[in-house]
Amino acid sequence: MPFPSSSSAPPFVLTRSLKSTTKDDQLFAAFPVEIRVEIFRHYIGELFPVDKTNAGPLLLLRVSRAWRNLVLHTPQLWSSFSLDVQRATVLHGQRLISALKYWLKQSRHVSLTFKLRYPVLDTVCTKLFQEILSASYRWRDATLHAPSASLLSLWEAKQDSFPALRSLSVETVGLSPFLIPDLGLNWAQLVTLDLFLITIPTLDDCLHILEQGVNLTACSLNAVCVLDTRDPQRVIVLPKMKDLELKLYNGDHISPSETSLHAFLDKLDCPALRSFGVSWNLIDHWTQPDKLFAFLNRIGAHLESLNLGYLPLTTPQIVQALKAVPFLRHLSLALSQADRENDYINNEFFRALEDTALVPRLQSVHLNCNGESFKNSSLLCFMASRWKYHGGGGQLEALDIVSPKRQAKYRPKRFQDLKEGKLDVRASLKSESSMLRVVAAYLNKDSYEMLCFMNSDFPSDIRSLLHL
């Protein structure tokens, strides 16, 4: 049933009998309006789906006259919404468009927080975006995941079309005739930015954004490693940047991709950076890893989170990188799961991390790797040296291993470890301090004859430490 164009409640709400104010209504009405609105907002939550007619503000409309009146006169309840659609029929598309129009009208002039995810190119997607774009002057936090062709109007909008915009996330599907410099946005007004665009921007495009985005605190960009190096003295200061993530692809081969990346990093001055991530979707081997170490040294005094994905480094080089970030708390490393030969998550890696003088504040480790280059004994020694509740001075509270033949997750009072169909052990602990004693019961060997290591297979003294 379509949504109405008027400001009154939808027809299906009006068909319900509206009860007179009850005793509960009187108790609720005793609260100040501001508190009642906050209660409703807490119930509705963030980014409520506009096509749900049996929940959210549309459900609140049905409860009583008092609630209906409050909901219809509180635009904040309609100003945060989502549309997550894989594909819509003509009829479904009409309902979505009507629903979106109704929410936009009910939200009046309040700033909008929204998410549109519609990855299929069709007229419904384009019309939905046009409706949202018509309220661009109210955009505050905008998330768009749609075909490039459906978002062409975004590139055609004028710079003053988004005066309230503070956070923007755009992921496109399919090639676009427009490039980053064509996007008429005032980058200086943004606080957070997340772009994953096709056509892929260049590192020069990224510099164009960062040079103007002086108020950015978090930024994630994908880029091909193409950079104009004719201005080597150019430095971009990002005084508020706390979180920077780069997803990189091969360049034009005129200038090596590694050289372009290092030149790009040399131009960045991020005195407040707390988190840095780089994913290297190339097969090239690095010839100058020292330049990466130099960048990490520059930001290492305040860096707390490091995410390195598919970098062609060796174990000694990874250890060297970690020496540059002494205050690191969160480490995430990803490698090709099919490449055992170059898997630097090995015995040498875990032995190096046994030394708690290296990143002594490390709290969480996430490893995505081949998983066959280290022994259980090395993993156990690493955990024994780092586990926060072991009494050795370590701070480690979370360890994840993701590989084709092993999935492991360790937390203060629970764990699971599945290995190649020969090991399946998981348990909840009564105390965090028991973790190493329990895991040593099965990590002290590297081969298993049984197909499943159940809790009942633990010795009785170990079973007493578990919640069975």
Protein backbone atom coordinates (compact mmCIF):
# COMPACT_ATOMS: atom_id res chain seq x y z
CA MET A 1 0.00 0.00 0.00
CA PRO A 2 1.59 3.32 -1.00
CA PHE A 3 2.59 5.98 1.50
CA PRO A 4 0.55 9.18 1.47
CA SER A 5 1.83 12.49 0.24
CA SER A 6 0.12 14.42 3.00
CA SER A 7 1.53 15.03 6.44
CA SER A 8 -1.18 12.95 8.07
CA ALA A 9 -0.63 9.40 9.20
CA PRO A 10 -0.64 6.68 6.51
CA PRO A 11 -4.06 5.16 5.64
CA PHE A 12 -3.30 1.82 7.28
CA VAL A 13 -2.68 3.66 10.55
CA LEU A 14 -5.94 5.56 10.34
CA THR A 15 -7.88 2.34 9.87
CA ARG A 16 -6.76 1.18 13.30
CA SER A 17 -8.98 2.10 16.20
CA LEU A 18 -7.36 4.80 18.27
CA LYS A 19 -7.86 4.09 21.94
CA SER A 20 -8.46 6.83 24.41
CA THR A 21 -5.60 7.83 26.64
CA THR A 22 -4.89 5.03 29.10
CA LYS A 23 -3.40 5.10 32.55
CA ASP A 24 -0.03 4.15 31.06
CA ASP A 25 -0.35 7.05 28.64
CA GLN A 26 -0.90 9.39 31.56
CA LEU A 27 2.24 8.11 33.28
CA PHE A 28 4.25 8.51 30.08
CA ALA A 29 2.81 11.99 29.53
CA ALA A 30 4.13 13.03 32.93
CA PHE A 31 7.65 13.06 31.50
CA PRO A 32 8.87 16.24 29.81
CA VAL A 33 8.53 16.21 26.03
CA GLU A 34 12.31 16.06 25.60
CA ILE A 35 12.53 12.83 27.60
CA ARG A 36 9.62 11.25 25.75
CA VAL A 37 11.28 12.07 22.44
CA GLU A 38 14.58 10.57 23.61
CA ILE A 39 12.77 7.38 24.66
CA PHE A 40 11.23 7.13 21.21
CA ARG A 41 14.58 7.79 19.52
CA HIS A 42 16.19 5.08 21.60
CA TYR A 43 13.45 2.66 20.58
CA ILE A 44 13.72 3.50 16.89
CA GLY A 45 17.52 3.34 16.85
CA GLU A 46 19.88 4.56 14.15
CA LEU A 47 19.20 4.24 10.43
CA PHE A 48 15.74 2.73 10.63
CA PRO A 49 14.59 1.03 7.37
CA VAL A 50 11.97 3.22 5.71
CA ASP A 51 10.18 0.24 4.15
CA LYS A 52 9.28 -1.35 7.51
CA THR A 53 5.68 -0.45 8.26
CA ASN A 54 5.22 -2.54 11.40
CA ALA A 55 8.00 -1.03 13.50
CA GLY A 56 9.76 2.25 14.21
CA PRO A 57 7.83 5.53 14.10
CA LEU A 58 5.05 3.97 12.00
CA LEU A 59 4.35 1.49 14.80
CA LEU A 60 4.45 4.23 17.44
CA LEU A 61 1.73 6.04 15.49
CA ARG A 62 -0.70 3.21 16.27
CA VAL A 63 -0.37 3.10 20.04
CA SER A 64 -2.51 6.04 21.12
CA ARG A 65 -3.61 9.50 20.11
CA ALA A 66 -0.99 11.07 22.36
CA TRP A 67 1.83 8.99 20.90
CA ARG A 68 0.61 9.57 17.37
CA ASN A 69 0.52 13.31 17.93
CA LEU A 70 4.03 13.35 19.41
CA VAL A 71 5.53 11.22 16.62
CA LEU A 72 3.93 13.27 13.85
CA HIS A 73 5.28 16.48 15.39
CA THR A 74 8.82 15.24 16.10
CA PRO A 75 10.84 15.43 12.86
CA GLN A 76 13.95 14.06 14.58
CA LEU A 77 12.28 10.64 14.67
CA TRP A 78 12.21 10.62 10.85
CA SER A 79 15.64 12.11 10.15
CA SER A 80 17.75 8.94 10.38
CA PHE A 81 16.91 6.15 7.95
CA SER A 82 18.23 3.47 5.61
CA LEU A 83 17.33 1.80 2.34
CA ASP A 84 19.06 -1.54 1.77
CA VAL A 85 17.75 -3.15 -1.41
CA GLN A 86 19.24 -5.78 -3.71
CA ARG A 87 16.70 -5.34 -6.49
CA ALA A 88 13.13 -4.05 -6.61
CA THR A 89 10.15 -4.91 -8.77
CA VAL A 90 8.17 -2.03 -10.26
CA LEU A 91 5.55 -2.26 -7.51
CA HIS A 92 8.13 -2.59 -4.75
CA GLY A 93 10.05 0.31 -6.23
CA GLN A 94 6.97 2.52 -6.14
CA ARG A 95 6.43 1.65 -2.48
CA LEU A 96 10.06 2.47 -1.66
CA ILE A 97 9.87 5.83 -3.39
CA SER A 98 6.59 6.69 -1.63
CA ALA A 99 8.04 5.63 1.72
CA LEU A 100 11.16 7.71 1.19
CA LYS A 101 9.12 10.78 0.22
CA TYR A 102 7.03 10.37 3.36
CA TRP A 103 10.08 10.14 5.63
CA LEU A 104 11.71 13.15 3.98
CA LYS A 105 8.54 15.19 4.44
CA GLN A 106 8.07 14.14 8.06
CA SER A 107 11.69 15.02 8.89
CA ARG A 108 10.97 18.59 7.75
CA HIS A 109 14.15 20.68 7.99
CA VAL A 110 16.14 18.47 10.38
CA SER A 111 19.61 17.36 9.26
CA LEU A 112 19.63 13.88 7.72
CA THR A 113 21.62 10.78 8.53
CA PHE A 114 20.99 8.06 5.97
CA LYS A 115 22.30 5.01 4.15
CA LEU A 116 21.30 4.03 0.62
CA ARG A 117 22.52 0.63 -0.52
CA TYR A 118 21.19 -0.34 -3.95
CA PRO A 119 23.98 -1.95 -6.04
CA VAL A 120 21.84 -2.65 -9.13
CA LEU A 121 21.49 -0.13 -11.96
CA ASP A 122 17.80 0.47 -12.66
CA THR A 123 15.30 3.31 -12.65
CA VAL A 124 14.26 2.67 -9.05
CA CYS A 125 17.80 3.22 -7.77
CA THR A 126 18.16 6.42 -9.78
CA LYS A 127 14.80 7.78 -8.60
CA LEU A 128 15.56 6.98 -4.97
CA PHE A 129 18.83 8.87 -5.19
CA GLN A 130 17.13 11.82 -6.89
CA GLU A 131 14.67 12.04 -4.01
CA ILE A 132 17.49 12.01 -1.46
CA LEU A 133 19.51 14.51 -3.49
CA SER A 134 16.55 16.90 -3.47
CA ALA A 135 17.22 17.27 0.27
CA SER A 136 20.99 17.68 -0.13
CA TYR A 137 20.98 20.89 1.88
CA ARG A 138 20.05 18.73 4.91
CA TRP A 139 22.63 15.95 4.45
CA ARG A 140 24.75 15.50 7.56
CA ASP A 141 25.93 11.86 7.54
CA ALA A 142 25.50 10.29 4.10
CA THR A 143 26.30 6.72 3.02
CA LEU A 144 25.82 5.74 -0.64
CA HIS A 145 26.48 2.34 -2.21
CA ALA A 146 25.11 2.33 -5.73
CA PRO A 147 26.06 2.15 -9.42
CA SER A 148 28.09 5.11 -10.67
CA ALA A 149 25.47 5.79 -13.34
CA SER A 150 22.78 6.26 -10.68
CA LEU A 151 24.91 8.82 -8.81
CA LEU A 152 25.89 11.05 -11.74
CA SER A 153 23.83 13.91 -10.29
CA LEU A 154 26.13 13.92 -7.27
CA TRP A 155 29.02 15.01 -9.49
CA GLU A 156 26.85 17.64 -11.14
CA ALA A 157 25.76 19.25 -7.86
CA LYS A 158 27.18 22.62 -6.87
CA GLN A 159 29.58 23.01 -3.97
CA ASP A 160 27.05 24.90 -1.86
CA SER A 161 24.46 22.12 -2.22
CA PHE A 162 25.67 20.34 0.94
CA PRO A 163 26.09 23.00 3.65
CA ALA A 164 25.39 20.60 6.56
CA LEU A 165 27.43 17.63 5.32
CA ARG A 166 29.99 16.35 7.82
CA SER A 167 30.37 12.65 7.00
CA LEU A 168 30.36 11.06 3.53
CA SER A 169 30.78 7.43 2.47
CA VAL A 170 30.48 6.52 -1.21
CA GLU A 171 31.02 3.09 -2.80
CA THR A 172 30.27 2.86 -6.50
CA VAL A 173 29.76 0.02 -8.95
CA GLY A 174 30.66 0.43 -12.62
CA LEU A 175 32.75 3.02 -14.45
CA SER A 176 32.01 6.70 -14.13
CA PRO A 177 32.82 9.46 -16.64
CA PHE A 178 33.65 11.78 -13.75
CA LEU A 179 36.79 12.00 -11.61
CA ILE A 180 37.47 13.23 -8.08
CA PRO A 181 38.27 16.83 -9.13
CA ASP A 182 34.86 16.98 -10.82
CA LEU A 183 33.06 16.32 -7.53
CA GLY A 184 31.74 19.65 -6.32
CA LEU A 185 32.22 19.17 -2.60
CA ASN A 186 33.71 21.44 -0.01
CA TRP A 187 36.20 18.93 1.39
CA ALA A 188 37.11 21.30 4.21
CA GLN A 189 33.70 20.86 5.87
CA LEU A 190 33.98 17.06 6.11
CA VAL A 191 35.00 15.33 9.33
CA THR A 192 34.93 11.73 8.04
CA LEU A 193 35.30 10.47 4.48
CA ASP A 194 35.18 6.95 3.03
CA LEU A 195 35.49 6.59 -0.76
CA PHE A 196 35.70 3.39 -2.78
CA LEU A 197 35.18 4.58 -6.32
CA ILE A 198 35.13 3.05 -9.76
CA THR A 199 36.78 4.65 -11.78
CA ILE A 200 39.61 4.34 -9.23
CA PRO A 201 41.17 7.67 -8.20
CA THR A 202 44.92 8.28 -8.42
CA LEU A 203 47.21 9.23 -5.57
CA ASP A 204 47.17 12.73 -7.06
CA ASP A 205 43.39 12.75 -6.61
CA CYS A 206 43.87 11.68 -2.99
CA LEU A 207 46.26 14.58 -2.44
CA HIS A 208 43.65 16.89 -3.96
CA ILE A 209 41.18 15.76 -1.29
CA LEU A 210 43.59 15.73 1.63
CA GLU A 211 45.04 19.14 0.83
CA GLN A 212 41.59 20.68 1.17
CA GLY A 213 40.21 18.35 3.86
CA VAL A 214 41.98 20.03 6.76
CA ASN A 215 39.20 19.10 9.20
CA LEU A 216 39.17 15.38 8.41
CA THR A 217 39.57 13.11 11.42
CA ALA A 218 39.04 9.81 9.55
CA CYS A 219 39.62 9.06 5.88
CA SER A 220 39.59 5.87 3.79
CA LEU A 221 40.50 6.03 0.08
CA ASN A 222 41.15 3.61 -2.76
CA ALA A 223 43.70 4.67 -5.37
CA VAL A 224 45.95 3.57 -8.19
CA CYS A 225 49.61 4.34 -7.54
CA VAL A 226 49.99 7.22 -9.97
CA LEU A 227 51.59 10.39 -8.62
CA ASP A 228 53.03 13.51 -10.17
CA THR A 229 56.45 13.78 -8.53
CA ARG A 230 57.38 17.13 -10.05
CA ASP A 231 56.66 18.91 -6.76
CA PRO A 232 58.76 16.98 -4.23
CA GLN A 233 58.60 19.75 -1.62
CA ARG A 234 54.82 19.70 -1.38
CA VAL A 235 53.74 18.85 2.17
CA ILE A 236 50.15 18.44 3.31
CA VAL A 237 49.49 19.00 7.00
CA LEU A 238 46.46 17.19 8.42
CA PRO A 239 46.30 18.41 12.02
CA LYS A 240 43.09 16.56 12.96
CA MET A 241 43.55 13.28 11.08
CA LYS A 242 43.34 10.33 13.48
CA ASP A 243 42.47 7.44 11.16
CA LEU A 244 43.87 6.99 7.63
CA GLU A 245 43.35 3.93 5.41
CA LEU A 246 44.59 3.38 1.85
CA LYS A 247 43.61 0.61 -0.57
CA LEU A 248 46.15 0.65 -3.39
CA TYR A 249 46.28 -0.74 -6.92
CA ASN A 250 48.88 -0.88 -9.66
CA GLY A 251 49.71 2.30 -11.54
CA ASP A 252 50.66 3.09 -15.12
CA HIS A 253 54.18 1.56 -14.97
CA ILE A 254 55.72 4.92 -15.95
CA SER A 255 56.70 5.36 -12.33
CA PRO A 256 56.94 2.24 -10.13
CA SER A 257 53.98 1.87 -7.80
CA GLU A 258 56.21 1.51 -4.76
CA THR A 259 58.01 4.75 -5.59
CA SER A 260 54.70 6.58 -5.99
CA LEU A 261 53.43 5.29 -2.64
CA HIS A 262 56.56 6.34 -0.77
CA ALA A 263 56.48 9.77 -2.43
CA PHE A 264 52.83 10.11 -1.41
CA LEU A 265 53.52 9.20 2.22
CA ASP A 266 56.46 11.63 2.30
CA LYS A 267 54.03 14.46 1.58
CA LEU A 268 51.79 13.72 4.57
CA ASP A 269 52.20 15.30 7.98
CA CYS A 270 49.67 13.78 10.40
CA PRO A 271 50.67 14.79 13.93
CA ALA A 272 47.51 13.35 15.53
CA LEU A 273 47.32 10.03 13.62
CA ARG A 274 46.21 7.13 15.82
CA SER A 275 45.35 4.49 13.21
CA PHE A 276 47.01 3.73 9.85
CA GLY A 277 46.16 1.04 7.33
CA VAL A 278 47.43 0.21 3.86
CA SER A 279 46.31 -2.64 1.61
CA TRP A 280 48.63 -3.45 -1.29
CA ASN A 281 46.69 -5.26 -4.01
CA LEU A 282 49.81 -5.83 -6.12
CA ILE A 283 52.32 -8.61 -6.59
CA ASP A 284 55.36 -6.35 -6.92
CA HIS A 285 58.15 -6.97 -4.43
CA TRP A 286 59.34 -3.89 -2.61
CA THR A 287 62.86 -2.67 -3.14
CA GLN A 288 62.77 0.18 -0.61
CA PRO A 289 60.89 -0.96 2.51
CA ASP A 290 63.03 1.41 4.57
CA LYS A 291 60.92 4.28 3.23
CA LEU A 292 57.82 2.71 4.79
CA PHE A 293 59.72 2.31 8.07
CA ALA A 294 60.68 6.00 7.89
CA PHE A 295 57.01 6.97 7.57
CA LEU A 296 56.06 4.71 10.49
CA ASN A 297 58.83 6.29 12.54
CA ARG A 298 57.36 9.72 11.86
CA ILE A 299 53.90 8.70 13.09
CA GLY A 300 54.95 5.99 15.54
CA ALA A 301 55.05 8.11 18.68
CA HIS A 302 51.25 8.27 18.78
CA LEU A 303 50.09 5.39 16.56
CA GLU A 304 47.85 2.88 18.36
CA SER A 305 46.45 0.79 15.48
CA LEU A 306 48.27 -0.60 12.42
CA ASN A 307 46.69 -2.56 9.57
CA LEU A 308 49.03 -3.92 6.88
CA GLY A 309 47.39 -5.92 4.10
CA TYR A 310 49.31 -8.00 1.55
CA LEU A 311 52.52 -6.00 1.77
CA PRO A 312 55.40 -7.93 0.14
CA LEU A 313 57.60 -7.95 3.23
CA THR A 314 59.67 -10.54 5.08
CA THR A 315 59.47 -11.47 8.75
CA PRO A 316 62.52 -9.33 9.72
CA GLN A 317 60.99 -6.40 7.85
CA ILE A 318 57.67 -6.75 9.66
CA VAL A 319 59.53 -6.83 12.97
CA GLN A 320 61.42 -3.72 11.87
CA ALA A 321 58.09 -2.01 11.14
CA LEU A 322 56.82 -2.89 14.61
CA LYS A 323 59.91 -1.36 16.20
CA ALA A 324 58.81 1.96 14.71
CA VAL A 325 55.46 1.94 16.55
CA PRO A 326 56.26 1.38 20.25
CA PHE A 327 52.82 2.44 21.54
CA LEU A 328 50.82 0.14 19.27
CA ARG A 329 47.72 -1.47 20.82
CA HIS A 330 46.01 -3.12 17.84
CA LEU A 331 47.78 -5.00 15.05
CA SER A 332 46.15 -6.48 11.94
CA LEU A 333 48.20 -8.31 9.29
CA ALA A 334 46.86 -9.91 6.12
CA LEU A 335 48.69 -12.11 3.59
CA SER A 336 47.70 -14.26 0.67
CA GLN A 337 46.17 -17.40 2.16
CA ALA A 338 47.48 -19.45 -0.75
CA ASP A 339 51.11 -18.32 -0.45
CA ARG A 340 52.95 -20.43 2.10
CA GLU A 341 56.39 -19.59 0.73
CA ASN A 342 56.08 -15.87 1.55
CA ASP A 343 54.01 -16.23 4.72
CA TYR A 344 55.85 -14.16 7.32
CA ILE A 345 53.43 -15.23 10.07
CA ASN A 346 55.80 -18.00 11.10
CA ASN A 347 57.79 -19.30 14.05
CA GLU A 348 60.29 -16.46 13.70
CA PHE A 349 57.47 -13.91 13.84
CA PHE A 350 56.00 -15.33 17.07
CA ARG A 351 59.45 -15.68 18.66
CA ALA A 352 60.13 -12.00 17.98
CA LEU A 353 56.84 -11.02 19.61
CA GLU A 354 57.65 -13.02 22.74
CA ASP A 355 59.88 -10.07 23.64
CA THR A 356 57.45 -7.71 25.36
CA ALA A 357 59.86 -4.83 24.83
CA LEU A 358 58.54 -4.90 21.25
CA VAL A 359 55.13 -3.12 21.18
CA PRO A 360 54.63 -3.69 24.94
CA ARG A 361 51.07 -2.29 24.95
CA LEU A 362 49.76 -4.72 22.34
CA GLN A 363 46.15 -5.64 23.19
CA SER A 364 44.75 -7.30 20.07
CA VAL A 365 46.22 -9.18 17.10
CA HIS A 366 44.35 -10.22 13.95
CA LEU A 367 46.24 -12.47 11.52
CA ASN A 368 44.94 -13.46 8.08
CA CYS A 369 47.51 -15.82 6.59
CA ASN A 370 48.30 -19.25 5.16
CA GLY A 371 48.44 -20.65 8.68
CA GLU A 372 50.90 -23.49 8.06
CA SER A 373 54.15 -21.66 8.70
CA PHE A 374 54.14 -21.80 12.50
CA LYS A 375 53.88 -24.50 15.14
CA ASN A 376 51.46 -24.61 18.02
CA SER A 377 54.39 -24.44 20.41
CA SER A 378 55.40 -21.05 18.96
CA LEU A 379 51.84 -19.78 19.28
CA LEU A 380 51.65 -21.00 22.89
CA CYS A 381 54.92 -19.31 23.86
CA PHE A 382 53.74 -16.07 22.28
CA MET A 383 50.48 -16.20 24.23
CA ALA A 384 52.30 -17.08 27.45
CA SER A 385 54.48 -13.98 27.12
CA ARG A 386 51.68 -11.60 26.14
CA TRP A 387 48.43 -12.76 27.78
CA LYS A 388 47.18 -9.98 30.04
CA TYR A 389 45.82 -12.30 32.71
CA HIS A 390 48.91 -14.48 32.94
CA GLY A 391 50.79 -12.13 35.25
CA GLY A 392 53.79 -11.60 32.99
CA GLY A 393 53.14 -7.94 32.23
CA GLY A 394 51.59 -8.47 28.80
CA GLN A 395 48.44 -6.67 27.67
CA LEU A 396 47.06 -9.09 25.04
CA GLU A 397 43.30 -9.69 25.32
CA ALA A 398 42.29 -10.74 21.81
CA LEU A 399 43.89 -12.98 19.19
CA ASP A 400 42.34 -13.99 15.86
CA ILE A 401 43.82 -16.31 13.25
CA VAL A 402 42.06 -16.69 9.91
CA SER A 403 43.44 -19.14 7.35
CA PRO A 404 42.18 -21.86 4.99
CA LYS A 405 43.03 -24.60 7.48
CA ARG A 406 42.65 -22.84 10.78
CA GLN A 407 40.14 -20.53 12.42
CA ALA A 408 41.02 -19.42 15.94
CA LYS A 409 39.61 -16.80 18.27
CA TYR A 410 40.88 -16.15 21.79
CA ARG A 411 39.18 -13.77 24.22
CA PRO A 412 39.60 -13.27 28.00
CA LYS A 413 37.06 -15.94 29.06
CA ARG A 414 36.30 -17.87 25.88
CA PHE A 415 38.05 -19.36 22.89
CA GLN A 416 37.62 -21.59 19.88
CA ASP A 417 40.24 -23.21 17.69
CA LEU A 418 39.37 -25.21 14.58
CA LYS A 419 42.23 -26.74 12.66
CA GLU A 420 41.99 -28.70 9.40
CA GLY A 421 39.16 -30.93 10.56
CA LYS A 422 41.43 -32.55 13.16
CA LEU A 423 40.90 -30.09 15.96
CA ASP A 424 37.68 -28.55 17.14
CA VAL A 425 37.97 -27.15 20.62
CA ARG A 426 35.97 -24.34 22.17
CA ALA A 427 35.14 -23.45 25.74
CA SER A 428 34.10 -20.76 28.18
CA LEU A 429 36.36 -20.22 31.17
CA LYS A 430 35.44 -19.48 34.74
CA SER A 431 38.41 -17.13 35.03
CA GLU A 432 40.54 -15.18 32.55
CA SER A 433 43.69 -16.30 34.34
CA SER A 434 43.00 -19.94 33.40
CA MET A 435 43.39 -19.40 29.65
CA LEU A 436 47.01 -20.48 29.23
CA ARG A 437 46.62 -23.52 31.44
CA VAL A 438 43.64 -24.65 29.36
CA VAL A 439 45.05 -23.97 25.90
CA ALA A 440 48.35 -25.62 26.82
CA ALA A 441 46.42 -28.87 27.10
CA TYR A 442 46.05 -28.99 23.32
CA LEU A 443 48.49 -26.40 21.93
CA ASN A 444 51.49 -28.29 23.29
CA LYS A 445 51.38 -30.63 20.31
CA ASP A 446 51.20 -30.04 16.56
CA SER A 447 49.37 -33.14 15.33
CA TYR A 448 46.08 -34.69 16.39
CA GLU A 449 44.81 -38.21 15.99
CA MET A 450 41.26 -37.45 17.03
CA LEU A 451 38.81 -35.62 14.78
CA CYS A 452 37.31 -33.60 17.59
CA PHE A 453 38.84 -32.36 20.82
CA MET A 454 35.78 -32.07 23.04
CA ASN A 455 35.66 -30.53 26.50
CA SER A 456 35.35 -34.04 27.89
CA ASP A 457 38.76 -34.85 26.40
CA PHE A 458 40.44 -32.41 28.77
CA PRO A 459 41.95 -33.82 31.98
CA SER A 460 39.70 -33.47 35.00
CA ASP A 461 41.79 -30.68 36.53
CA ILE A 462 41.37 -28.69 33.29
CA ARG A 463 37.65 -29.43 33.02
CA SER A 464 37.17 -27.89 36.45
CA LEU A 465 38.23 -24.55 34.96
CA LEU A 466 35.53 -24.60 32.28
CA HIS A 467 31.86 -23.77 32.12
CA LEU A 468 30.58 -27.14 30.86
